[in-house]
Amino acid sequence: MTATHLPARHGRPRDPSIDEAVLTATIAILSEDGYRHLSTTEVARRAGVHKPAVYRRWPTKLELALAAIHRLAPPIADPDTGDVRRDLVDVLLQVASAKQRRPHLELAARLRSDFATEPELASAVRAAIIRPRVAAMRSIIERAQRRGELRADVGADAVTDLLFGAVNARSLRTDAPLTRAAAVRLVDVVIDGIAVAATEPRGR
């Protein structure tokens, strides 16, 4: 058999149970002790794996932290239903579903403190996790403005702050899940204030 016909070699399949154990341990350490005390040695010990298993997956401490945070705050799927209210309700339910899990609340509280002393972490989390969420919201708002559903003079960031802020505040106030009816009420309160009036021309 010539070299050109040798079968392709594949590495050992990645064990998802190790990923799960490592990320769970990382979330616990970040929540309890903060980013400064995160170490591969302690993560490996808590996860019950060897240190190389951690390094192979996430070579740096920052990559490991981002992977753990991303696990609790996955990307937002843009519904793009053609109706701004339905889109925003769907997005709020996506965001709230993560915030209603206790590990998310504990980690979020610690990260707010870490951001003040760990600028590298703060910058990376904003770039990899927060900005894509804001960008998804901006797309929804700007589409609605182009369709003539919302006033063009209202900034998308202001709408995002109002809606995400409401979900954040609610997650601190109660453990009760955000229902679709509650999400509709939140969206209606905001959108009714910035919707194009019936007498105004819709679209251009």
N, C-alpha and C. Protein backbone atom coordinates (compact mmCIF):
# COMPACT_ATOMS: atom_id res chain seq x y z
N MET A 1 0.85 -1.20 0.00
CA MET A 1 0.00 0.00 0.00
C MET A 1 0.88 1.24 0.00
N THR A 2 0.66 2.14 -0.93
CA THR A 2 1.47 3.35 -1.00
C THR A 2 0.98 4.34 0.03
N ALA A 3 1.81 5.38 0.24
CA ALA A 3 1.49 6.37 1.26
C ALA A 3 0.20 7.10 0.93
N THR A 4 -0.09 7.23 -0.37
CA THR A 4 -1.29 7.96 -0.75
C THR A 4 -2.56 7.20 -0.43
N HIS A 5 -2.41 5.88 -0.15
CA HIS A 5 -3.59 5.07 0.12
C HIS A 5 -3.69 4.67 1.59
N LEU A 6 -2.80 5.21 2.42
CA LEU A 6 -2.88 4.88 3.84
C LEU A 6 -4.16 5.44 4.43
N PRO A 7 -4.82 4.69 5.28
CA PRO A 7 -6.04 5.20 5.90
C PRO A 7 -5.75 6.40 6.78
N ALA A 8 -6.68 7.34 6.79
CA ALA A 8 -6.50 8.53 7.61
C ALA A 8 -6.48 8.16 9.08
N ARG A 9 -5.63 8.83 9.86
CA ARG A 9 -5.56 8.58 11.28
C ARG A 9 -6.40 9.62 12.02
N HIS A 10 -7.12 9.15 12.98
CA HIS A 10 -7.94 10.05 13.77
C HIS A 10 -7.55 9.90 15.23
N GLY A 11 -7.56 11.00 15.95
CA GLY A 11 -7.29 10.94 17.37
C GLY A 11 -8.45 10.30 18.12
N ARG A 12 -8.20 10.04 19.40
CA ARG A 12 -9.25 9.46 20.22
C ARG A 12 -10.43 10.42 20.30
N PRO A 13 -11.66 9.90 20.12
CA PRO A 13 -12.83 10.80 20.21
C PRO A 13 -12.86 11.54 21.54
N ARG A 14 -13.26 12.78 21.50
CA ARG A 14 -13.31 13.60 22.70
C ARG A 14 -14.44 13.10 23.60
N ASP A 15 -14.13 12.91 24.86
CA ASP A 15 -15.10 12.39 25.83
C ASP A 15 -15.93 13.54 26.39
N PRO A 16 -17.22 13.62 26.04
CA PRO A 16 -18.03 14.74 26.52
C PRO A 16 -18.19 14.76 28.02
N SER A 17 -18.06 13.61 28.67
CA SER A 17 -18.19 13.59 30.13
C SER A 17 -17.05 14.33 30.79
N ILE A 18 -15.87 14.32 30.17
CA ILE A 18 -14.74 15.07 30.72
C ILE A 18 -14.98 16.57 30.55
N ASP A 19 -15.47 16.96 29.37
CA ASP A 19 -15.81 18.37 29.15
C ASP A 19 -16.79 18.85 30.22
N GLU A 20 -17.81 18.05 30.46
CA GLU A 20 -18.85 18.41 31.43
C GLU A 20 -18.25 18.55 32.83
N ALA A 21 -17.41 17.60 33.23
CA ALA A 21 -16.82 17.64 34.56
C ALA A 21 -15.90 18.85 34.73
N VAL A 22 -15.12 19.13 33.70
CA VAL A 22 -14.17 20.26 33.77
C VAL A 22 -14.92 21.59 33.83
N LEU A 23 -15.93 21.76 32.99
CA LEU A 23 -16.67 23.02 32.98
C LEU A 23 -17.48 23.21 34.26
N THR A 24 -18.03 22.13 34.79
CA THR A 24 -18.76 22.21 36.05
C THR A 24 -17.82 22.63 37.17
N ALA A 25 -16.63 22.06 37.21
CA ALA A 25 -15.65 22.44 38.23
C ALA A 25 -15.21 23.89 38.06
N THR A 26 -15.05 24.31 36.82
CA THR A 26 -14.63 25.70 36.56
C THR A 26 -15.69 26.68 37.01
N ILE A 27 -16.95 26.39 36.72
CA ILE A 27 -18.04 27.26 37.15
C ILE A 27 -18.07 27.37 38.66
N ALA A 28 -17.86 26.25 39.34
CA ALA A 28 -17.88 26.26 40.81
C ALA A 28 -16.76 27.13 41.36
N ILE A 29 -15.57 26.99 40.80
CA ILE A 29 -14.44 27.77 41.31
C ILE A 29 -14.63 29.26 41.02
N LEU A 30 -15.06 29.59 39.81
CA LEU A 30 -15.31 30.99 39.48
C LEU A 30 -16.36 31.59 40.40
N SER A 31 -17.39 30.84 40.71
CA SER A 31 -18.48 31.34 41.55
C SER A 31 -18.05 31.50 43.00
N GLU A 32 -17.25 30.56 43.48
CA GLU A 32 -16.85 30.57 44.89
C GLU A 32 -15.66 31.49 45.17
N ASP A 33 -14.64 31.40 44.32
CA ASP A 33 -13.37 32.06 44.62
C ASP A 33 -12.96 33.14 43.62
N GLY A 34 -13.62 33.19 42.47
CA GLY A 34 -13.29 34.22 41.49
C GLY A 34 -12.21 33.80 40.52
N TYR A 35 -12.07 34.60 39.48
CA TYR A 35 -11.15 34.30 38.38
C TYR A 35 -9.71 34.23 38.85
N ARG A 36 -9.34 35.07 39.79
CA ARG A 36 -7.94 35.11 40.24
C ARG A 36 -7.50 33.78 40.80
N HIS A 37 -8.40 33.03 41.39
CA HIS A 37 -8.03 31.76 42.03
C HIS A 37 -8.31 30.56 41.13
N LEU A 38 -8.72 30.81 39.91
CA LEU A 38 -8.94 29.71 38.98
C LEU A 38 -7.59 29.14 38.53
N SER A 39 -7.41 27.84 38.65
CA SER A 39 -6.17 27.20 38.21
C SER A 39 -6.50 25.84 37.60
N THR A 40 -5.68 25.44 36.66
CA THR A 40 -5.87 24.14 36.02
C THR A 40 -5.73 23.02 37.04
N THR A 41 -4.81 23.19 37.98
CA THR A 41 -4.59 22.16 39.00
C THR A 41 -5.85 21.91 39.81
N GLU A 42 -6.49 22.99 40.27
CA GLU A 42 -7.69 22.84 41.08
C GLU A 42 -8.88 22.35 40.25
N VAL A 43 -8.97 22.83 39.01
CA VAL A 43 -10.05 22.36 38.14
C VAL A 43 -9.91 20.86 37.91
N ALA A 44 -8.70 20.40 37.60
CA ALA A 44 -8.47 18.98 37.36
C ALA A 44 -8.79 18.16 38.60
N ARG A 45 -8.41 18.67 39.77
CA ARG A 45 -8.67 17.93 41.01
C ARG A 45 -10.18 17.78 41.24
N ARG A 46 -10.90 18.87 41.09
CA ARG A 46 -12.35 18.81 41.33
C ARG A 46 -13.07 17.97 40.28
N ALA A 47 -12.57 18.04 39.05
CA ALA A 47 -13.22 17.31 37.96
C ALA A 47 -12.85 15.82 37.96
N GLY A 48 -11.79 15.48 38.71
CA GLY A 48 -11.35 14.09 38.73
C GLY A 48 -10.67 13.66 37.46
N VAL A 49 -9.92 14.59 36.83
CA VAL A 49 -9.20 14.28 35.59
C VAL A 49 -7.75 14.72 35.74
N HIS A 50 -6.93 14.31 34.78
CA HIS A 50 -5.54 14.73 34.77
C HIS A 50 -5.42 16.13 34.16
N LYS A 51 -4.44 16.89 34.59
CA LYS A 51 -4.26 18.25 34.08
C LYS A 51 -4.15 18.31 32.55
N PRO A 52 -3.43 17.38 31.90
CA PRO A 52 -3.36 17.45 30.43
C PRO A 52 -4.73 17.40 29.76
N ALA A 53 -5.69 16.73 30.38
CA ALA A 53 -7.04 16.67 29.80
C ALA A 53 -7.67 18.06 29.75
N VAL A 54 -7.31 18.89 30.71
CA VAL A 54 -7.81 20.27 30.72
C VAL A 54 -7.05 21.11 29.70
N TYR A 55 -5.73 21.00 29.71
CA TYR A 55 -4.91 21.80 28.80
C TYR A 55 -5.23 21.51 27.33
N ARG A 56 -5.48 20.24 27.01
CA ARG A 56 -5.74 19.90 25.62
C ARG A 56 -7.02 20.57 25.11
N ARG A 57 -7.97 20.74 25.99
CA ARG A 57 -9.24 21.34 25.58
C ARG A 57 -9.20 22.86 25.63
N TRP A 58 -8.63 23.40 26.68
CA TRP A 58 -8.58 24.86 26.87
C TRP A 58 -7.16 25.22 27.33
N PRO A 59 -6.31 25.60 26.39
CA PRO A 59 -4.89 25.81 26.71
C PRO A 59 -4.61 26.92 27.73
N THR A 60 -5.51 27.89 27.82
CA THR A 60 -5.25 29.00 28.75
C THR A 60 -6.37 29.13 29.77
N LYS A 61 -6.04 29.77 30.85
CA LYS A 61 -7.02 30.02 31.91
C LYS A 61 -8.19 30.84 31.39
N LEU A 62 -7.91 31.82 30.55
CA LEU A 62 -8.97 32.67 30.02
C LEU A 62 -9.91 31.87 29.12
N GLU A 63 -9.36 31.01 28.26
CA GLU A 63 -10.20 30.19 27.39
C GLU A 63 -11.10 29.27 28.20
N LEU A 64 -10.55 28.73 29.28
CA LEU A 64 -11.32 27.84 30.15
C LEU A 64 -12.47 28.61 30.81
N ALA A 65 -12.17 29.79 31.31
CA ALA A 65 -13.21 30.61 31.96
C ALA A 65 -14.30 30.98 30.97
N LEU A 66 -13.92 31.38 29.76
CA LEU A 66 -14.91 31.76 28.75
C LEU A 66 -15.80 30.57 28.37
N ALA A 67 -15.20 29.40 28.25
CA ALA A 67 -15.99 28.21 27.91
C ALA A 67 -17.02 27.91 28.98
N ALA A 68 -16.61 28.07 30.25
CA ALA A 68 -17.53 27.82 31.35
C ALA A 68 -18.66 28.84 31.38
N ILE A 69 -18.31 30.10 31.19
CA ILE A 69 -19.33 31.16 31.20
C ILE A 69 -20.28 30.98 30.02
N HIS A 70 -19.72 30.62 28.87
CA HIS A 70 -20.52 30.42 27.66
C HIS A 70 -21.52 29.28 27.85
N ARG A 71 -21.14 28.29 28.64
CA ARG A 71 -22.03 27.16 28.90
C ARG A 71 -23.30 27.61 29.61
N LEU A 72 -23.18 28.61 30.48
CA LEU A 72 -24.34 29.11 31.21
C LEU A 72 -25.03 30.26 30.48
N ALA A 73 -24.35 30.85 29.53
CA ALA A 73 -24.94 31.97 28.78
C ALA A 73 -24.74 31.72 27.29
N PRO A 74 -25.47 30.76 26.72
CA PRO A 74 -25.29 30.43 25.30
C PRO A 74 -25.75 31.56 24.40
N PRO A 75 -25.34 31.53 23.13
CA PRO A 75 -25.75 32.59 22.20
C PRO A 75 -27.27 32.67 22.05
N ILE A 76 -27.72 33.84 21.70
CA ILE A 76 -29.14 34.06 21.44
C ILE A 76 -29.45 33.69 19.99
N ALA A 77 -30.50 32.93 19.79
CA ALA A 77 -30.97 32.64 18.43
C ALA A 77 -31.95 33.74 18.01
N ASP A 78 -31.69 34.35 16.87
CA ASP A 78 -32.56 35.41 16.37
C ASP A 78 -33.78 34.77 15.71
N PRO A 79 -34.98 34.95 16.29
CA PRO A 79 -36.17 34.27 15.74
C PRO A 79 -36.55 34.76 14.34
N ASP A 80 -36.42 36.09 14.10
CA ASP A 80 -36.73 36.70 12.81
C ASP A 80 -38.08 36.23 12.28
N THR A 81 -39.14 36.45 13.08
CA THR A 81 -40.48 36.01 12.69
C THR A 81 -41.19 37.01 11.79
N GLY A 82 -40.63 38.22 11.68
CA GLY A 82 -41.31 39.26 10.92
C GLY A 82 -42.16 40.15 11.80
N ASP A 83 -42.20 39.86 13.10
CA ASP A 83 -42.97 40.67 14.04
C ASP A 83 -42.09 40.99 15.23
N VAL A 84 -41.87 42.27 15.51
CA VAL A 84 -40.91 42.66 16.53
C VAL A 84 -41.32 42.19 17.92
N ARG A 85 -42.61 42.20 18.22
CA ARG A 85 -43.04 41.76 19.55
C ARG A 85 -42.73 40.27 19.77
N ARG A 86 -43.06 39.47 18.79
CA ARG A 86 -42.79 38.03 18.91
C ARG A 86 -41.30 37.77 19.01
N ASP A 87 -40.51 38.48 18.22
CA ASP A 87 -39.06 38.30 18.27
C ASP A 87 -38.51 38.63 19.65
N LEU A 88 -38.93 39.76 20.21
CA LEU A 88 -38.39 40.19 21.51
C LEU A 88 -38.86 39.30 22.65
N VAL A 89 -40.09 38.85 22.59
CA VAL A 89 -40.58 37.92 23.62
C VAL A 89 -39.75 36.64 23.59
N ASP A 90 -39.49 36.12 22.40
CA ASP A 90 -38.71 34.90 22.26
C ASP A 90 -37.30 35.09 22.83
N VAL A 91 -36.68 36.23 22.53
CA VAL A 91 -35.33 36.49 23.02
C VAL A 91 -35.31 36.60 24.54
N LEU A 92 -36.28 37.31 25.11
CA LEU A 92 -36.34 37.43 26.57
C LEU A 92 -36.48 36.06 27.23
N LEU A 93 -37.28 35.18 26.65
CA LEU A 93 -37.44 33.85 27.22
C LEU A 93 -36.14 33.05 27.13
N GLN A 94 -35.39 33.25 26.04
CA GLN A 94 -34.08 32.59 25.93
C GLN A 94 -33.14 33.06 27.02
N VAL A 95 -33.08 34.36 27.21
CA VAL A 95 -32.18 34.93 28.22
C VAL A 95 -32.60 34.49 29.61
N ALA A 96 -33.89 34.56 29.89
CA ALA A 96 -34.39 34.25 31.22
C ALA A 96 -34.19 32.78 31.57
N SER A 97 -34.26 31.89 30.58
CA SER A 97 -34.13 30.47 30.87
C SER A 97 -32.77 30.16 31.47
N ALA A 98 -31.73 30.88 31.04
CA ALA A 98 -30.39 30.69 31.60
C ALA A 98 -30.28 31.32 32.98
N LYS A 99 -30.84 32.51 33.13
CA LYS A 99 -30.73 33.21 34.41
C LYS A 99 -31.50 32.53 35.53
N GLN A 100 -32.46 31.71 35.19
CA GLN A 100 -33.25 31.05 36.22
C GLN A 100 -32.52 29.87 36.85
N ARG A 101 -31.36 29.50 36.28
CA ARG A 101 -30.59 28.41 36.87
C ARG A 101 -29.66 28.98 37.94
N ARG A 102 -29.66 28.38 39.11
CA ARG A 102 -28.88 28.88 40.23
C ARG A 102 -27.40 29.07 39.91
N PRO A 103 -26.72 28.13 39.21
CA PRO A 103 -25.30 28.38 38.90
C PRO A 103 -25.08 29.68 38.14
N HIS A 104 -26.01 30.03 37.26
CA HIS A 104 -25.87 31.26 36.48
C HIS A 104 -25.92 32.47 37.39
N LEU A 105 -26.84 32.49 38.33
CA LEU A 105 -26.98 33.64 39.22
C LEU A 105 -25.74 33.80 40.09
N GLU A 106 -25.23 32.70 40.61
CA GLU A 106 -24.05 32.77 41.47
C GLU A 106 -22.82 33.24 40.68
N LEU A 107 -22.67 32.71 39.49
CA LEU A 107 -21.52 33.11 38.67
C LEU A 107 -21.64 34.56 38.23
N ALA A 108 -22.84 34.98 37.84
CA ALA A 108 -23.03 36.37 37.40
C ALA A 108 -22.69 37.35 38.51
N ALA A 109 -23.09 37.03 39.73
CA ALA A 109 -22.79 37.91 40.87
C ALA A 109 -21.29 38.03 41.08
N ARG A 110 -20.58 36.93 40.97
CA ARG A 110 -19.12 36.96 41.16
C ARG A 110 -18.43 37.70 40.02
N LEU A 111 -18.92 37.49 38.80
CA LEU A 111 -18.28 38.13 37.65
C LEU A 111 -18.38 39.65 37.73
N ARG A 112 -19.49 40.15 38.25
CA ARG A 112 -19.63 41.60 38.38
C ARG A 112 -18.52 42.17 39.25
N SER A 113 -18.12 41.41 40.26
CA SER A 113 -17.02 41.84 41.11
C SER A 113 -15.68 41.67 40.41
N ASP A 114 -15.50 40.55 39.72
CA ASP A 114 -14.24 40.27 39.04
C ASP A 114 -13.95 41.26 37.92
N PHE A 115 -14.98 41.75 37.26
CA PHE A 115 -14.76 42.67 36.15
C PHE A 115 -13.99 43.92 36.59
N ALA A 116 -14.16 44.32 37.83
CA ALA A 116 -13.50 45.53 38.32
C ALA A 116 -12.00 45.32 38.51
N THR A 117 -11.58 44.09 38.75
CA THR A 117 -10.17 43.82 39.04
C THR A 117 -9.49 42.96 37.99
N GLU A 118 -10.26 42.41 37.05
CA GLU A 118 -9.71 41.53 36.02
C GLU A 118 -10.10 42.05 34.64
N PRO A 119 -9.41 43.11 34.17
CA PRO A 119 -9.80 43.72 32.89
C PRO A 119 -9.72 42.78 31.70
N GLU A 120 -8.76 41.85 31.73
CA GLU A 120 -8.65 40.90 30.61
C GLU A 120 -9.90 40.04 30.54
N LEU A 121 -10.36 39.56 31.67
CA LEU A 121 -11.58 38.75 31.70
C LEU A 121 -12.79 39.57 31.27
N ALA A 122 -12.90 40.78 31.80
CA ALA A 122 -14.04 41.63 31.46
C ALA A 122 -14.10 41.89 29.97
N SER A 123 -12.95 42.21 29.37
CA SER A 123 -12.91 42.49 27.94
C SER A 123 -13.28 41.26 27.12
N ALA A 124 -12.78 40.09 27.53
CA ALA A 124 -13.05 38.87 26.78
C ALA A 124 -14.52 38.46 26.88
N VAL A 125 -15.11 38.59 28.06
CA VAL A 125 -16.52 38.22 28.23
C VAL A 125 -17.41 39.17 27.43
N ARG A 126 -17.08 40.44 27.45
CA ARG A 126 -17.89 41.40 26.68
C ARG A 126 -17.81 41.10 25.19
N ALA A 127 -16.60 40.77 24.71
CA ALA A 127 -16.43 40.51 23.28
C ALA A 127 -17.06 39.19 22.85
N ALA A 128 -16.90 38.15 23.65
CA ALA A 128 -17.33 36.82 23.23
C ALA A 128 -18.78 36.50 23.57
N ILE A 129 -19.32 37.14 24.60
CA ILE A 129 -20.64 36.75 25.09
C ILE A 129 -21.64 37.89 25.07
N ILE A 130 -21.26 39.04 25.63
CA ILE A 130 -22.23 40.12 25.77
C ILE A 130 -22.50 40.81 24.43
N ARG A 131 -21.47 41.15 23.69
CA ARG A 131 -21.67 41.88 22.44
C ARG A 131 -22.49 41.10 21.41
N PRO A 132 -22.26 39.78 21.24
CA PRO A 132 -23.13 39.04 20.31
C PRO A 132 -24.60 39.07 20.72
N ARG A 133 -24.89 39.06 22.01
CA ARG A 133 -26.28 39.16 22.47
C ARG A 133 -26.86 40.53 22.15
N VAL A 134 -26.07 41.56 22.39
CA VAL A 134 -26.52 42.91 22.08
C VAL A 134 -26.72 43.06 20.57
N ALA A 135 -25.82 42.46 19.79
CA ALA A 135 -25.93 42.55 18.33
C ALA A 135 -27.20 41.87 17.84
N ALA A 136 -27.58 40.75 18.46
CA ALA A 136 -28.82 40.07 18.06
C ALA A 136 -30.02 40.95 18.34
N MET A 137 -30.03 41.61 19.50
CA MET A 137 -31.12 42.52 19.83
C MET A 137 -31.14 43.71 18.87
N ARG A 138 -29.98 44.22 18.54
CA ARG A 138 -29.91 45.37 17.63
C ARG A 138 -30.48 45.00 16.26
N SER A 139 -30.19 43.80 15.81
CA SER A 139 -30.73 43.36 14.52
C SER A 139 -32.25 43.34 14.54
N ILE A 140 -32.83 42.85 15.64
CA ILE A 140 -34.28 42.79 15.75
C ILE A 140 -34.89 44.18 15.72
N ILE A 141 -34.31 45.09 16.51
CA ILE A 141 -34.84 46.46 16.58
C ILE A 141 -34.69 47.18 15.24
N GLU A 142 -33.54 47.06 14.62
CA GLU A 142 -33.31 47.77 13.37
C GLU A 142 -34.17 47.22 12.24
N ARG A 143 -34.42 45.92 12.23
CA ARG A 143 -35.34 45.36 11.24
C ARG A 143 -36.74 45.94 11.42
N ALA A 144 -37.16 46.03 12.69
CA ALA A 144 -38.48 46.58 12.98
C ALA A 144 -38.58 48.04 12.57
N GLN A 145 -37.50 48.78 12.74
CA GLN A 145 -37.49 50.18 12.32
C GLN A 145 -37.57 50.29 10.81
N ARG A 146 -36.89 49.41 10.10
CA ARG A 146 -36.96 49.44 8.64
C ARG A 146 -38.35 49.06 8.15
N ARG A 147 -39.03 48.19 8.89
CA ARG A 147 -40.40 47.81 8.51
C ARG A 147 -41.42 48.87 8.92
N GLY A 148 -40.98 49.87 9.67
CA GLY A 148 -41.89 50.92 10.10
C GLY A 148 -42.69 50.58 11.33
N GLU A 149 -42.27 49.55 12.08
CA GLU A 149 -42.97 49.18 13.31
C GLU A 149 -42.57 50.05 14.49
N LEU A 150 -41.31 50.49 14.50
CA LEU A 150 -40.78 51.26 15.63
C LEU A 150 -40.24 52.58 15.14
N ARG A 151 -40.27 53.56 16.02
CA ARG A 151 -39.74 54.87 15.68
C ARG A 151 -38.25 54.77 15.38
N ALA A 152 -37.84 55.47 14.36
CA ALA A 152 -36.44 55.42 13.94
C ALA A 152 -35.52 56.22 14.84
N ASP A 153 -36.08 57.10 15.67
CA ASP A 153 -35.24 57.96 16.50
C ASP A 153 -34.88 57.31 17.84
N VAL A 154 -35.30 56.08 18.07
CA VAL A 154 -34.99 55.38 19.32
C VAL A 154 -33.82 54.43 19.07
N GLY A 155 -32.77 54.59 19.87
CA GLY A 155 -31.60 53.75 19.69
C GLY A 155 -31.84 52.30 20.12
N ALA A 156 -31.28 51.38 19.35
CA ALA A 156 -31.45 49.96 19.66
C ALA A 156 -30.82 49.61 21.01
N ASP A 157 -29.73 50.29 21.36
CA ASP A 157 -29.07 50.00 22.63
C ASP A 157 -29.97 50.36 23.80
N ALA A 158 -30.74 51.43 23.68
CA ALA A 158 -31.63 51.83 24.76
C ALA A 158 -32.71 50.78 24.98
N VAL A 159 -33.26 50.24 23.90
CA VAL A 159 -34.27 49.20 24.01
C VAL A 159 -33.67 47.94 24.64
N THR A 160 -32.46 47.61 24.21
CA THR A 160 -31.78 46.44 24.77
C THR A 160 -31.56 46.59 26.26
N ASP A 161 -31.10 47.77 26.67
CA ASP A 161 -30.87 48.01 28.10
C ASP A 161 -32.16 47.88 28.90
N LEU A 162 -33.24 48.42 28.37
CA LEU A 162 -34.51 48.36 29.08
C LEU A 162 -34.99 46.91 29.26
N LEU A 163 -34.93 46.13 28.20
CA LEU A 163 -35.46 44.77 28.26
C LEU A 163 -34.52 43.82 29.01
N PHE A 164 -33.24 43.86 28.70
CA PHE A 164 -32.31 43.00 29.41
C PHE A 164 -32.23 43.41 30.88
N GLY A 165 -32.28 44.72 31.13
CA GLY A 165 -32.25 45.19 32.51
C GLY A 165 -33.43 44.68 33.31
N ALA A 166 -34.59 44.64 32.67
CA ALA A 166 -35.79 44.14 33.35
C ALA A 166 -35.64 42.66 33.70
N VAL A 167 -35.08 41.89 32.78
CA VAL A 167 -34.89 40.46 33.05
C VAL A 167 -33.85 40.26 34.15
N ASN A 168 -32.77 41.04 34.12
CA ASN A 168 -31.75 40.93 35.16
C ASN A 168 -32.33 41.26 36.53
N ALA A 169 -33.09 42.36 36.60
CA ALA A 169 -33.68 42.76 37.88
C ALA A 169 -34.66 41.71 38.38
N ARG A 170 -35.42 41.14 37.47
CA ARG A 170 -36.39 40.13 37.87
C ARG A 170 -35.71 38.87 38.41
N SER A 171 -34.58 38.49 37.81
CA SER A 171 -33.87 37.30 38.25
C SER A 171 -33.33 37.46 39.67
N LEU A 172 -33.04 38.70 40.08
CA LEU A 172 -32.57 38.96 41.43
C LEU A 172 -33.73 39.02 42.42
N ARG A 173 -34.89 39.41 41.92
CA ARG A 173 -36.05 39.62 42.80
C ARG A 173 -36.79 38.32 43.09
N THR A 174 -36.80 37.40 42.16
CA THR A 174 -37.60 36.19 42.34
C THR A 174 -36.97 35.00 41.64
N ASP A 175 -37.24 33.81 42.19
CA ASP A 175 -36.78 32.57 41.55
C ASP A 175 -37.82 32.03 40.57
N ALA A 176 -38.98 32.65 40.53
CA ALA A 176 -40.06 32.17 39.66
C ALA A 176 -39.64 32.32 38.20
N PRO A 177 -39.91 31.35 37.37
CA PRO A 177 -39.54 31.44 35.95
C PRO A 177 -40.31 32.55 35.24
N LEU A 178 -39.67 33.13 34.25
CA LEU A 178 -40.34 34.13 33.42
C LEU A 178 -41.26 33.40 32.45
N THR A 179 -42.54 33.61 32.61
CA THR A 179 -43.51 32.97 31.72
C THR A 179 -43.63 33.77 30.42
N ARG A 180 -44.21 33.13 29.42
CA ARG A 180 -44.42 33.85 28.16
C ARG A 180 -45.34 35.05 28.38
N ALA A 181 -46.36 34.90 29.22
CA ALA A 181 -47.28 36.01 29.48
C ALA A 181 -46.54 37.18 30.12
N ALA A 182 -45.63 36.88 31.06
CA ALA A 182 -44.86 37.95 31.70
C ALA A 182 -43.91 38.61 30.71
N ALA A 183 -43.31 37.81 29.84
CA ALA A 183 -42.41 38.36 28.82
C ALA A 183 -43.18 39.26 27.86
N VAL A 184 -44.39 38.87 27.50
CA VAL A 184 -45.23 39.70 26.63
C VAL A 184 -45.52 41.03 27.30
N ARG A 185 -45.83 41.01 28.59
CA ARG A 185 -46.11 42.27 29.29
C ARG A 185 -44.89 43.19 29.30
N LEU A 186 -43.71 42.62 29.54
CA LEU A 186 -42.48 43.43 29.54
C LEU A 186 -42.26 44.07 28.17
N VAL A 187 -42.38 43.26 27.14
CA VAL A 187 -42.16 43.77 25.78
C VAL A 187 -43.21 44.83 25.44
N ASP A 188 -44.45 44.60 25.80
CA ASP A 188 -45.51 45.56 25.49
C ASP A 188 -45.26 46.91 26.16
N VAL A 189 -44.80 46.88 27.41
CA VAL A 189 -44.55 48.13 28.13
C VAL A 189 -43.52 48.98 27.38
N VAL A 190 -42.47 48.32 26.90
CA VAL A 190 -41.40 49.04 26.19
C VAL A 190 -41.83 49.42 24.78
N ILE A 191 -42.32 48.44 24.03
CA ILE A 191 -42.64 48.67 22.63
C ILE A 191 -43.78 49.67 22.47
N ASP A 192 -44.76 49.64 23.35
CA ASP A 192 -45.87 50.60 23.22
C ASP A 192 -45.39 52.03 23.35
N GLY A 193 -44.27 52.23 24.01
CA GLY A 193 -43.74 53.58 24.15
C GLY A 193 -42.93 54.05 22.96
N ILE A 194 -42.51 53.10 22.10
CA ILE A 194 -41.66 53.52 20.97
C ILE A 194 -42.23 53.07 19.63
N ALA A 195 -43.46 52.54 19.65
CA ALA A 195 -44.07 52.11 18.39
C ALA A 195 -44.47 53.31 17.55
N VAL A 196 -44.51 53.11 16.26
CA VAL A 196 -44.97 54.15 15.36
C VAL A 196 -46.48 54.30 15.53
N ALA A 197 -46.93 55.52 15.75
CA ALA A 197 -48.36 55.76 15.95
C ALA A 197 -49.13 55.42 14.67
N ALA A 198 -50.40 55.09 14.86
CA ALA A 198 -51.22 54.68 13.70
C ALA A 198 -51.32 55.75 12.65
N THR A 199 -51.23 57.05 13.05
CA THR A 199 -51.33 58.13 12.10
C THR A 199 -50.03 58.44 11.39
N GLU A 200 -48.93 57.85 11.88
CA GLU A 200 -47.62 58.09 11.24
C GLU A 200 -47.44 57.12 10.07
N PRO A 201 -46.69 57.57 9.05
CA PRO A 201 -46.42 56.66 7.91
C PRO A 201 -45.53 55.51 8.34
N ARG A 202 -45.84 54.30 7.90
CA ARG A 202 -45.05 53.13 8.25
C ARG A 202 -44.11 52.78 7.10
N GLY A 203 -42.83 52.74 7.43
CA GLY A 203 -41.84 52.39 6.42
C GLY A 203 -41.60 53.53 5.44
N ARG A 204 -40.69 53.27 4.56
CA ARG A 204 -40.35 54.28 3.55
C ARG A 204 -40.21 53.58 2.21
